[in-house]
């Protein structure tokens, strides 16, 4: 029985090609990922952010109203009034910070779900929200802890700088002001540099199940040679969504003024302004929430794609992903998570498909690259060079062999005078007689076929020779055309 290989369909394409990504691919697929699973990506992010935003506003507003309402029973300017005012402000600020941290924790959870979805979409898998949450849930507290730790470090650094400037202001206010400007200007590149070096921490926590310290180390190493592309992607996304937020806010300011004119045509400023502010504020906040949800999804998608690209370049993750896709599409089950395979593997740098790479001139005479810079690409890498031969005239003269004394001269024939007769005997170097021409070889006749021997042991008689005659010749051999026949 002959076994034929089964037909296997082509692997399903994911949202990205499974090879190191370019700048444009990462930026473009960050927006295109929304079409892969919009219900999970955009819907979940929008719902979570809307709930967090509403809860924070209502809670802070309730605490502010409850704390500042006590001032209505006090005389302004008194010590009790000032103490209650300071306490109300402090309580409101603390509640706002705590609730802001809670909302930030929910934002980190959204980022974790988006990273998990993008990782599966890269291998053409589409999971439901329940399945994604099952993968994020075991490491959710690490994400929240990392976010809280990062926020605490930022708040501590800002508080320490503010305290130092405040103390310096009592001694030398101009120096404190100048130092404050220098610190602000120096903090801008520092913040961007840290944001690039730590951009892969959430992805490492989610996809590698790493601890906070290990995730920070992984992000620091993977972004070592990709600083400028990552910085360009982050800056461009920030500019895009910052511009969208500014464009969105302008129409709503005109809408509030138009609503104020329509609602109060008599010119009563009280009711019209209140209604216009409330309506315009609600509409603008709704659009801002939508923009923020899209920005959160796109930025988290970009971070996940950057993580995949860095691991492809440093650890050959694309090889593991290709193997996983081929085995899965061939019908294999129970496959291991490709993102947990070969963590920390080091491979040789590979060129990006589509980018220019100088050709390898391995077939040249000396097996290396051509020497000299290329006029279009700035030169080839140095390779083995051809040996440098000395110029003409530097070789030593060829050796002069002696005319005699090396090899013995061949024997010469004796010279006889022209008038002297030759001796009777031929000279030793006389011409030899020509040899007889070769005779054709003679072959013995082949033995007759074996025959049965007679009973008395006598040898059989030799057969008569075969006689050949023309087909028209008579049987007796006479020539009928002869006149004597």
Protein backbone atom coordinates (compact mmCIF):
# COMPACT_ATOMS: atom_id res chain seq x y z
CA UNK A 1 0.00 0.00 0.00
CA UNK A 2 1.40 3.38 -1.03
CA UNK A 3 0.98 6.29 1.41
CA UNK A 4 0.63 9.77 -0.07
CA UNK A 5 1.19 12.96 2.00
CA UNK A 6 -1.96 14.73 3.05
CA UNK A 7 -2.72 18.14 1.61
CA UNK A 8 -2.23 20.99 4.06
CA UNK A 9 -3.74 24.43 3.43
CA UNK A 10 -1.63 27.56 3.53
CA UNK A 11 -1.12 29.13 6.94
CA UNK A 12 -3.52 31.87 7.86
CA UNK A 13 -1.93 35.33 7.86
CA UNK A 14 -1.93 37.32 11.08
CA UNK A 15 -1.94 41.08 11.53
CA UNK A 16 1.82 41.28 10.96
CA UNK A 17 4.33 39.42 8.76
CA UNK A 18 6.39 36.97 10.77
CA UNK A 19 9.76 38.60 10.27
CA UNK A 20 11.48 41.67 11.79
CA UNK A 21 9.22 44.70 11.33
CA UNK A 22 9.98 48.10 9.90
CA UNK A 23 9.01 51.49 11.32
CA UNK A 24 6.08 51.90 8.93
CA UNK A 25 4.76 48.40 9.58
CA UNK A 26 4.64 48.92 13.35
CA UNK A 27 2.98 52.31 13.01
CA UNK A 28 0.43 51.20 10.43
CA UNK A 29 -0.52 47.92 12.09
CA UNK A 30 -1.02 49.72 15.42
CA UNK A 31 -4.12 51.33 13.89
CA UNK A 32 -5.09 48.33 11.76
CA UNK A 33 -5.30 46.04 14.80
CA UNK A 34 -8.57 47.72 15.79
CA UNK A 35 -10.26 45.98 12.85
CA UNK A 36 -9.08 42.55 14.02
CA UNK A 37 -11.22 42.44 17.18
CA UNK A 38 -12.96 45.80 17.75
CA UNK A 39 -15.42 44.43 20.29
CA UNK A 40 -12.62 43.40 22.63
CA UNK A 41 -10.10 46.12 21.90
CA UNK A 42 -12.18 49.27 21.51
CA UNK A 43 -15.36 48.19 23.27
CA UNK A 44 -13.63 46.92 26.41
CA UNK A 45 -11.28 49.90 26.62
CA UNK A 46 -14.11 52.38 26.13
CA UNK A 47 -16.32 50.75 28.77
CA UNK A 48 -13.54 50.52 31.35
CA UNK A 49 -12.39 54.09 30.85
CA UNK A 50 -15.94 55.45 30.88
CA UNK A 51 -16.71 53.66 34.14
CA UNK A 52 -13.46 54.81 35.72
CA UNK A 53 -13.99 58.39 34.56
CA UNK A 54 -17.56 58.58 35.84
CA UNK A 55 -16.65 56.99 39.19
CA UNK A 56 -13.73 59.36 39.73
CA UNK A 57 -15.78 62.46 38.87
CA UNK A 58 -18.73 61.47 41.04
CA UNK A 59 -16.56 60.47 43.99
CA UNK A 60 -14.38 63.58 43.91
CA UNK A 61 -17.41 65.81 43.43
CA UNK A 62 -19.24 64.17 46.32
CA UNK A 63 -16.24 64.51 48.66
CA UNK A 64 -15.69 68.12 47.61
CA UNK A 65 -19.34 69.06 48.16
CA UNK A 66 -19.45 67.34 51.56
CA UNK A 67 -16.21 68.95 52.75
CA UNK A 68 -16.70 72.47 51.41
CA UNK A 69 -20.36 72.69 52.51
CA UNK A 70 -19.18 73.14 56.10
CA UNK A 71 -17.82 76.53 55.17
CA UNK A 72 -21.37 77.88 54.77
CA UNK A 73 -21.83 77.87 58.55
CA UNK A 74 -18.59 79.73 59.29
CA UNK A 75 -17.55 83.31 59.13
CA UNK A 76 -15.01 83.95 56.35
CA UNK A 77 -11.63 85.19 57.57
CA UNK A 78 -11.68 83.43 60.93
CA UNK A 79 -9.15 80.84 62.04
CA UNK A 80 -11.75 78.07 62.00
CA UNK A 81 -12.75 78.99 58.47
CA UNK A 82 -9.13 78.81 57.25
CA UNK A 83 -8.54 75.47 59.00
CA UNK A 84 -11.71 73.91 57.53
CA UNK A 85 -10.82 75.28 54.08
CA UNK A 86 -7.31 73.78 54.22
CA UNK A 87 -8.69 70.46 55.43
CA UNK A 88 -11.33 70.36 52.70
CA UNK A 89 -8.73 71.02 50.03
CA UNK A 90 -6.42 68.33 51.45
CA UNK A 91 -9.21 65.74 51.64
CA UNK A 92 -10.32 66.46 48.08
CA UNK A 93 -6.78 66.21 46.73
CA UNK A 94 -6.08 62.93 48.54
CA UNK A 95 -9.32 61.38 47.33
CA UNK A 96 -8.57 62.53 43.79
CA UNK A 97 -5.07 60.98 43.91
CA UNK A 98 -6.34 57.67 45.28
CA UNK A 99 -9.14 57.42 42.77
CA UNK A 100 -6.77 58.47 40.00
CA UNK A 101 -4.47 55.59 40.94
CA UNK A 102 -7.43 53.23 40.84
CA UNK A 103 -8.38 54.50 37.40
CA UNK A 104 -4.77 54.11 36.30
CA UNK A 105 -4.81 50.52 37.52
CA UNK A 106 -7.86 49.88 35.36
CA UNK A 107 -6.00 51.46 32.44
CA UNK A 108 -3.11 49.04 33.00
CA UNK A 109 -5.58 46.13 32.92
CA UNK A 110 -6.84 47.41 29.56
CA UNK A 111 -3.27 47.54 28.31
CA UNK A 112 -2.70 43.95 29.45
CA UNK A 113 -5.78 42.70 27.60
CA UNK A 114 -4.72 44.56 24.45
CA UNK A 115 -1.18 43.11 24.58
CA UNK A 116 -2.55 39.58 24.97
CA UNK A 117 -4.96 40.10 22.05
CA UNK A 118 -2.20 41.45 19.77
CA UNK A 119 0.09 38.53 20.64
CA UNK A 120 -2.60 36.06 19.54
CA UNK A 121 -3.55 38.13 16.49
CA UNK A 122 0.06 37.93 15.30
CA UNK A 123 -0.44 34.17 14.78
CA UNK A 124 -3.98 34.57 13.35
CA UNK A 125 -5.86 33.67 16.54
CA UNK A 126 -8.95 35.53 17.74
CA UNK A 127 -9.97 35.00 21.36
CA UNK A 128 -12.98 36.15 23.32
CA UNK A 129 -12.72 38.58 26.20
CA UNK A 130 -13.17 35.79 28.76
CA UNK A 131 -10.22 33.83 27.35
CA UNK A 132 -8.02 36.94 27.24
CA UNK A 133 -8.86 37.83 30.81
CA UNK A 134 -7.98 34.27 31.88
CA UNK A 135 -4.46 34.87 30.53
CA UNK A 136 -4.10 38.33 32.07
CA UNK A 137 -5.62 37.55 35.48
CA UNK A 138 -2.62 35.63 36.97
CA UNK A 139 -0.29 38.60 36.40
CA UNK A 140 -2.78 41.46 36.83
CA UNK A 141 -1.45 42.37 40.28
CA UNK A 142 2.08 42.64 38.88
CA UNK A 143 0.82 45.12 36.31
CA UNK A 144 -0.93 47.15 38.99
CA UNK A 145 2.14 46.99 41.23
CA UNK A 146 4.42 48.16 38.43
CA UNK A 147 2.08 51.07 37.64
CA UNK A 148 1.89 52.09 41.30
CA UNK A 149 5.66 51.80 41.72
CA UNK A 150 6.29 53.92 38.64
CA UNK A 151 3.82 56.55 39.81
CA UNK A 152 5.34 56.59 43.29
CA UNK A 153 8.83 57.14 41.86
CA UNK A 154 7.58 60.02 39.71
CA UNK A 155 5.71 61.64 42.61
CA UNK A 156 8.71 61.19 44.91
CA UNK A 157 11.09 62.76 42.39
CA UNK A 158 8.76 65.71 41.77
CA UNK A 159 8.19 66.23 45.51
CA UNK A 160 11.92 66.11 46.27
CA UNK A 161 12.70 68.63 43.51
CA UNK A 162 9.86 70.92 44.62
CA UNK A 163 10.98 70.78 48.26
CA UNK A 164 14.58 71.59 47.28
CA UNK A 165 13.50 74.52 45.12
CA UNK A 166 11.17 75.79 47.82
CA UNK A 167 13.98 75.75 50.38
CA UNK A 168 16.37 77.44 47.95
CA UNK A 169 13.77 80.10 47.22
CA UNK A 170 14.03 81.49 50.75
CA UNK A 171 17.76 82.01 50.31
CA UNK A 172 18.05 83.04 46.64
CA UNK A 173 14.83 83.27 44.68
CA UNK A 174 16.43 84.02 41.26
CA UNK A 175 18.71 81.02 41.62
CA UNK A 176 15.76 78.83 42.58
CA UNK A 177 13.76 80.05 39.57
CA UNK A 178 16.64 79.43 37.18
CA UNK A 179 17.31 76.00 38.66
CA UNK A 180 13.62 75.16 38.32
CA UNK A 181 13.67 76.01 34.61
CA UNK A 182 16.81 73.90 34.11
CA UNK A 183 15.24 70.95 35.92
CA UNK A 184 12.08 71.13 33.84
CA UNK A 185 14.05 71.26 30.59
CA UNK A 186 16.27 68.38 31.72
CA UNK A 187 13.27 66.30 32.81
CA UNK A 188 11.75 66.28 29.30
CA UNK A 189 14.47 64.14 27.60
CA UNK A 190 14.86 62.08 30.77
CA UNK A 191 11.17 61.17 30.79
CA UNK A 192 11.21 60.22 27.10
CA UNK A 193 14.37 58.16 27.53
CA UNK A 194 12.87 56.23 30.45
CA UNK A 195 9.60 55.74 28.58
CA UNK A 196 11.51 54.11 25.70
CA UNK A 197 13.63 51.88 27.96
CA UNK A 198 10.60 50.72 29.98
CA UNK A 199 8.03 50.44 27.17
CA UNK A 200 8.26 46.63 27.06
CA UNK A 201 7.73 45.98 30.78
CA UNK A 202 3.95 45.29 30.57
CA UNK A 203 4.45 43.02 27.55
CA UNK A 204 7.17 41.04 29.34
CA UNK A 205 4.97 40.67 32.44
CA UNK A 206 1.99 39.43 30.43
CA UNK A 207 3.59 37.26 27.75
CA UNK A 208 6.60 35.92 29.68
CA UNK A 209 5.04 35.76 33.17
CA UNK A 210 8.04 37.72 34.42
CA UNK A 211 8.32 39.48 37.75
CA UNK A 212 8.58 43.27 37.91
CA UNK A 213 12.38 43.24 38.28
CA UNK A 214 12.90 40.69 35.52
CA UNK A 215 10.51 42.57 33.22
CA UNK A 216 12.44 45.81 33.74
CA UNK A 217 15.70 44.04 32.90
CA UNK A 218 14.19 42.40 29.82
CA UNK A 219 12.85 45.72 28.53
CA UNK A 220 16.20 47.39 29.11
CA UNK A 221 18.08 44.74 27.11
CA UNK A 222 15.61 44.30 24.25
CA UNK A 223 15.46 48.05 23.50
CA UNK A 224 19.24 48.41 23.46
CA UNK A 225 19.61 48.75 19.67
CA UNK A 226 16.10 50.04 18.89
CA UNK A 227 16.01 53.31 20.82
CA UNK A 228 15.44 55.77 17.98
CA UNK A 229 12.71 53.82 16.12
CA UNK A 230 10.79 53.31 19.39
CA UNK A 231 11.17 56.98 20.30
CA UNK A 232 9.93 58.00 16.86
CA UNK A 233 6.84 55.78 17.15
CA UNK A 234 5.96 57.10 20.61
CA UNK A 235 6.47 60.74 19.62
CA UNK A 236 4.43 60.37 16.46
CA UNK A 237 1.52 58.68 18.25
CA UNK A 238 1.54 61.34 20.97
CA UNK A 239 1.47 64.11 18.37
CA UNK A 240 -1.35 62.42 16.44
CA UNK A 241 -3.67 61.98 19.41
CA UNK A 242 -2.70 65.34 20.92
CA UNK A 243 -3.68 67.00 17.65
CA UNK A 244 -6.94 65.05 17.53
CA UNK A 245 -7.82 66.17 21.08
CA UNK A 246 -7.19 69.80 20.16
CA UNK A 247 -9.23 69.55 16.98
CA UNK A 248 -12.12 67.94 18.85
CA UNK A 249 -12.22 70.60 21.58
CA UNK A 250 -12.60 73.52 19.14
CA UNK A 251 -16.01 72.58 17.66
CA UNK A 252 -17.54 72.00 21.10
CA UNK A 253 -16.59 75.49 22.24
CA UNK A 254 -18.57 76.91 19.30
CA UNK A 255 -21.39 74.44 20.02
CA UNK A 256 -21.68 75.66 23.61
CA UNK A 257 -21.96 79.28 22.45
CA UNK A 258 -24.60 78.34 19.84
CA UNK A 259 -26.64 76.38 22.38
CA UNK A 260 -26.52 79.31 24.78
CA UNK A 261 -27.99 81.60 22.12
CA UNK A 262 -30.71 79.12 21.11
CA UNK A 263 -31.83 78.22 24.64
CA UNK A 264 -31.93 81.80 25.97
CA UNK A 265 -32.98 84.04 23.09
CA UNK A 266 -34.04 86.75 25.60
CA UNK A 267 -30.47 87.15 26.77
CA UNK A 268 -30.85 85.84 30.30
CA UNK A 269 -27.25 84.88 31.15
CA UNK A 270 -27.95 82.66 34.14
CA UNK A 271 -29.90 79.71 32.80
CA UNK A 272 -28.43 79.78 29.29
CA UNK A 273 -24.82 79.69 30.41
CA UNK A 274 -25.42 76.87 32.87
CA UNK A 275 -27.25 74.70 30.35
CA UNK A 276 -24.74 75.40 27.59
CA UNK A 277 -21.77 74.63 29.83
CA UNK A 278 -23.32 71.36 31.03
CA UNK A 279 -24.36 70.20 27.56
CA UNK A 280 -21.10 71.22 25.90
CA UNK A 281 -19.07 69.71 28.71
CA UNK A 282 -20.89 66.37 28.54
CA UNK A 283 -20.54 66.14 24.77
CA UNK A 284 -16.90 67.12 24.81
CA UNK A 285 -16.10 64.66 27.58
CA UNK A 286 -17.85 61.86 25.69
CA UNK A 287 -15.74 62.53 22.61
CA UNK A 288 -12.61 62.86 24.74
CA UNK A 289 -13.34 59.47 26.30
CA UNK A 290 -13.64 57.95 22.84
CA UNK A 291 -10.35 59.52 21.73
CA UNK A 292 -8.63 58.36 24.93
CA UNK A 293 -9.92 54.81 24.46
CA UNK A 294 -8.61 54.71 20.89
CA UNK A 295 -5.29 56.22 22.02
CA UNK A 296 -4.93 53.63 24.80
CA UNK A 297 -5.60 50.76 22.41
CA UNK A 298 -3.26 52.08 19.69
CA UNK A 299 -0.42 52.83 22.10
CA UNK A 300 -0.76 49.42 23.80
CA UNK A 301 -0.85 47.75 20.37
CA UNK A 302 2.30 49.62 19.33
CA UNK A 303 4.05 48.52 22.54
CA UNK A 304 3.11 44.87 21.88
CA UNK A 305 4.34 45.06 18.27
CA UNK A 306 7.59 46.67 19.42
CA UNK A 307 8.05 43.83 21.89
CA UNK A 308 7.50 41.21 19.16
CA UNK A 309 9.85 43.02 16.77
CA UNK A 310 12.63 43.31 19.37
CA UNK A 311 12.40 39.62 20.24
CA UNK A 312 12.47 38.72 16.55
CA UNK A 313 15.68 40.67 16.09
CA UNK A 314 17.45 39.56 19.29
CA UNK A 315 16.06 36.07 19.96
CA UNK A 316 14.58 34.79 16.67
CA UNK A 317 10.97 34.82 17.90
CA UNK A 318 9.73 34.74 14.30
CA UNK A 319 11.19 31.23 13.92
CA UNK A 320 9.21 30.03 16.94
CA UNK A 321 6.04 31.72 15.69
CA UNK A 322 6.41 30.19 12.21
CA UNK A 323 6.94 26.74 13.70
CA UNK A 324 3.89 27.17 15.91
CA UNK A 325 1.68 28.31 13.02
CA UNK A 326 2.79 25.49 10.72
CA UNK A 327 2.26 22.78 13.32
CA UNK A 328 -1.09 24.21 14.39
CA UNK A 329 -2.38 24.42 10.83
CA UNK A 330 -1.14 20.87 10.19
CA UNK A 331 -3.49 19.65 12.94
CA UNK A 332 -1.19 19.40 15.95
CA UNK A 333 -2.75 20.00 19.37
CA UNK A 334 -1.38 20.79 22.79
CA UNK A 335 1.32 23.10 21.45
CA UNK A 336 3.43 25.11 23.86
CA UNK A 337 3.14 28.88 24.03
CA UNK A 338 5.64 30.23 21.45
CA UNK A 339 6.25 33.37 23.53
CA UNK A 340 7.62 31.24 26.36
CA UNK A 341 10.08 29.39 24.12
CA UNK A 342 13.78 30.34 23.98
CA UNK A 343 13.54 33.41 26.22
CA UNK A 344 16.95 35.07 26.27
CA UNK A 345 18.30 33.25 23.21
CA UNK A 346 20.94 35.21 21.28
CA UNK A 347 21.15 35.00 17.48
CA UNK A 348 23.21 36.76 14.86
CA UNK A 349 21.78 40.03 13.48
CA UNK A 350 19.65 39.58 10.37
CA UNK A 351 18.68 42.11 7.69
CA UNK A 352 15.09 43.32 7.54
CA UNK A 353 13.21 42.09 4.44
CA UNK A 354 12.89 44.95 1.98
CA UNK A 355 15.88 46.86 3.32
CA UNK A 356 19.10 47.20 1.31
CA UNK A 357 21.95 44.89 2.19
CA UNK A 358 25.28 44.93 0.33
CA UNK A 359 25.73 41.80 -1.80
CA UNK A 360 28.22 39.20 -0.66
CA UNK A 361 30.87 38.76 -3.31
CA UNK A 362 31.77 35.25 -2.28
CA UNK A 363 32.55 34.19 -5.84
CA UNK A 364 35.30 36.70 -6.45
CA UNK A 365 38.91 35.72 -6.85
CA UNK A 366 39.71 36.25 -3.16
CA UNK A 367 36.33 35.45 -1.54
CA UNK A 368 35.70 38.92 -0.04
CA UNK A 369 33.96 42.25 -0.75
CA UNK A 370 35.19 44.63 -3.41
CA UNK A 371 37.50 47.28 -2.07
CA UNK A 372 36.66 50.96 -2.21
CA UNK A 373 33.48 52.84 -1.24
CA UNK A 374 30.29 52.37 -3.23
CA UNK A 375 29.06 55.70 -4.67
CA UNK A 376 25.44 55.14 -3.55
CA UNK A 377 25.58 53.36 -0.21
CA UNK A 378 28.69 54.65 1.51
CA UNK A 379 31.02 51.70 1.11
CA UNK A 380 31.12 47.95 1.68
CA UNK A 381 32.45 46.25 4.77
CA UNK A 382 36.09 45.40 4.62
CA UNK A 383 36.89 41.88 3.48
CA UNK A 384 39.99 39.87 2.61
CA UNK A 385 42.15 41.78 0.19
CA UNK A 386 44.20 40.46 -2.72
CA UNK A 387 47.89 39.95 -2.02
CA UNK A 388 50.07 42.87 -2.98
CA UNK A 389 52.72 41.87 -5.46
CA UNK A 390 55.96 43.94 -5.73
CA UNK A 391 56.42 46.25 -8.65
CA UNK A 392 58.51 45.30 -11.65
CA UNK A 393 62.24 45.33 -11.04
CA UNK A 394 62.09 44.11 -7.45
CA UNK A 395 62.53 40.46 -8.29
CA UNK A 396 66.04 39.03 -8.17
CA UNK A 397 67.63 37.92 -11.44
CA UNK A 398 66.89 34.34 -12.42
CA UNK A 399 69.64 31.90 -11.48
CA UNK A 400 72.35 31.36 -14.10
CA UNK A 401 72.94 27.69 -14.65
CA UNK A 402 76.46 26.70 -15.89
CA UNK A 403 76.76 25.66 -19.51
CA UNK A 404 78.76 22.60 -18.52
CA UNK A 405 79.40 20.81 -15.33
CA UNK A 406 75.76 20.23 -14.47
CA UNK A 407 74.50 17.56 -16.77
CA UNK A 408 76.88 15.49 -18.90
CA UNK A 409 76.80 16.21 -22.61
CA UNK A 410 75.30 13.48 -24.83
CA UNK A 411 77.83 11.34 -26.77
CA UNK A 412 78.75 12.70 -30.17
CA UNK A 413 79.41 10.68 -33.34
CA UNK A 414 83.09 10.58 -34.50
CA UNK A 415 83.97 13.07 -37.17
CA UNK A 416 85.79 11.79 -40.26
CA UNK A 417 87.62 13.95 -42.80
CA UNK A 418 85.89 14.50 -46.11
CA UNK A 419 88.69 12.96 -48.19
CA UNK A 420 89.24 9.94 -46.01
CA UNK A 421 87.34 6.84 -46.96
CA UNK A 422 84.98 5.30 -44.48
CA UNK A 423 86.17 2.25 -42.71
CA UNK A 424 85.00 -1.15 -43.89
CA UNK A 425 82.75 -1.53 -40.94
CA UNK A 426 79.80 0.80 -40.54
CA UNK A 427 80.27 3.54 -38.03
CA UNK A 428 78.57 3.05 -34.70
CA UNK A 429 76.00 5.70 -35.50
CA UNK A 430 75.10 4.51 -39.03
CA UNK A 431 71.49 4.54 -39.96
CA UNK A 432 69.74 1.32 -39.10
CA UNK A 433 68.05 -0.78 -41.79
CA UNK A 434 64.36 -0.22 -42.10
CA UNK A 435 62.32 -2.71 -40.14
CA UNK A 436 60.07 -5.16 -41.92
CA UNK A 437 56.43 -4.14 -42.07
CA UNK A 438 54.23 -5.85 -39.50
CA UNK A 439 52.45 -8.96 -40.71
CA UNK A 440 48.78 -9.49 -40.05
CA UNK A 441 48.14 -11.95 -37.24
CA UNK A 442 47.18 -15.48 -38.17
CA UNK A 443 44.40 -17.14 -36.33
CA UNK A 444 44.03 -20.86 -35.88
CA UNK A 445 40.81 -22.37 -37.20
CA UNK A 446 38.18 -22.82 -34.57
CA UNK A 447 37.76 -26.40 -33.36
CA UNK A 448 34.92 -28.39 -34.88
CA UNK A 449 31.83 -28.89 -32.84
CA UNK A 450 31.90 -31.78 -30.47
CA UNK A 451 30.44 -35.00 -31.81
CA UNK A 452 29.67 -38.34 -30.33
CA UNK A 453 32.74 -40.63 -30.30
CA UNK A 454 32.47 -44.05 -31.87
CA UNK A 455 32.28 -47.10 -29.78
CA UNK A 456 35.83 -48.20 -30.53
CA UNK A 457 37.26 -44.85 -29.44
CA UNK A 458 38.43 -43.84 -32.93
CA UNK A 459 38.50 -40.21 -33.65
CA UNK A 460 35.85 -38.91 -36.06
CA UNK A 461 36.86 -37.81 -39.53
CA UNK A 462 37.36 -34.16 -40.13
CA UNK A 463 34.42 -32.50 -41.90
CA UNK A 464 34.83 -31.44 -45.52
CA UNK A 465 35.44 -27.76 -46.13
CA UNK A 466 32.42 -25.72 -46.96
CA UNK A 467 31.94 -25.00 -50.68
CA UNK A 468 30.23 -21.73 -51.62
CA UNK A 469 28.46 -21.22 -54.94
CA UNK A 470 26.32 -18.54 -56.51
CA UNK A 471 22.56 -19.00 -56.22
CA UNK A 472 22.20 -19.54 -60.06
CA UNK A 473 25.16 -21.94 -60.44
CA UNK A 474 24.43 -25.61 -61.33
CA UNK A 475 24.65 -28.20 -58.63
CA UNK A 476 27.57 -30.08 -60.28
CA UNK A 477 29.74 -26.95 -60.43
CA UNK A 478 30.21 -26.88 -64.28
CA UNK A 479 30.19 -23.65 -66.20
CA UNK A 480 27.38 -23.87 -68.72
CA UNK A 481 28.47 -20.77 -70.60
CA UNK A 482 31.88 -22.24 -71.39
CA UNK A 483 32.28 -23.41 -75.04
CA UNK A 484 33.71 -26.73 -73.82
CA UNK A 485 30.75 -27.47 -71.50
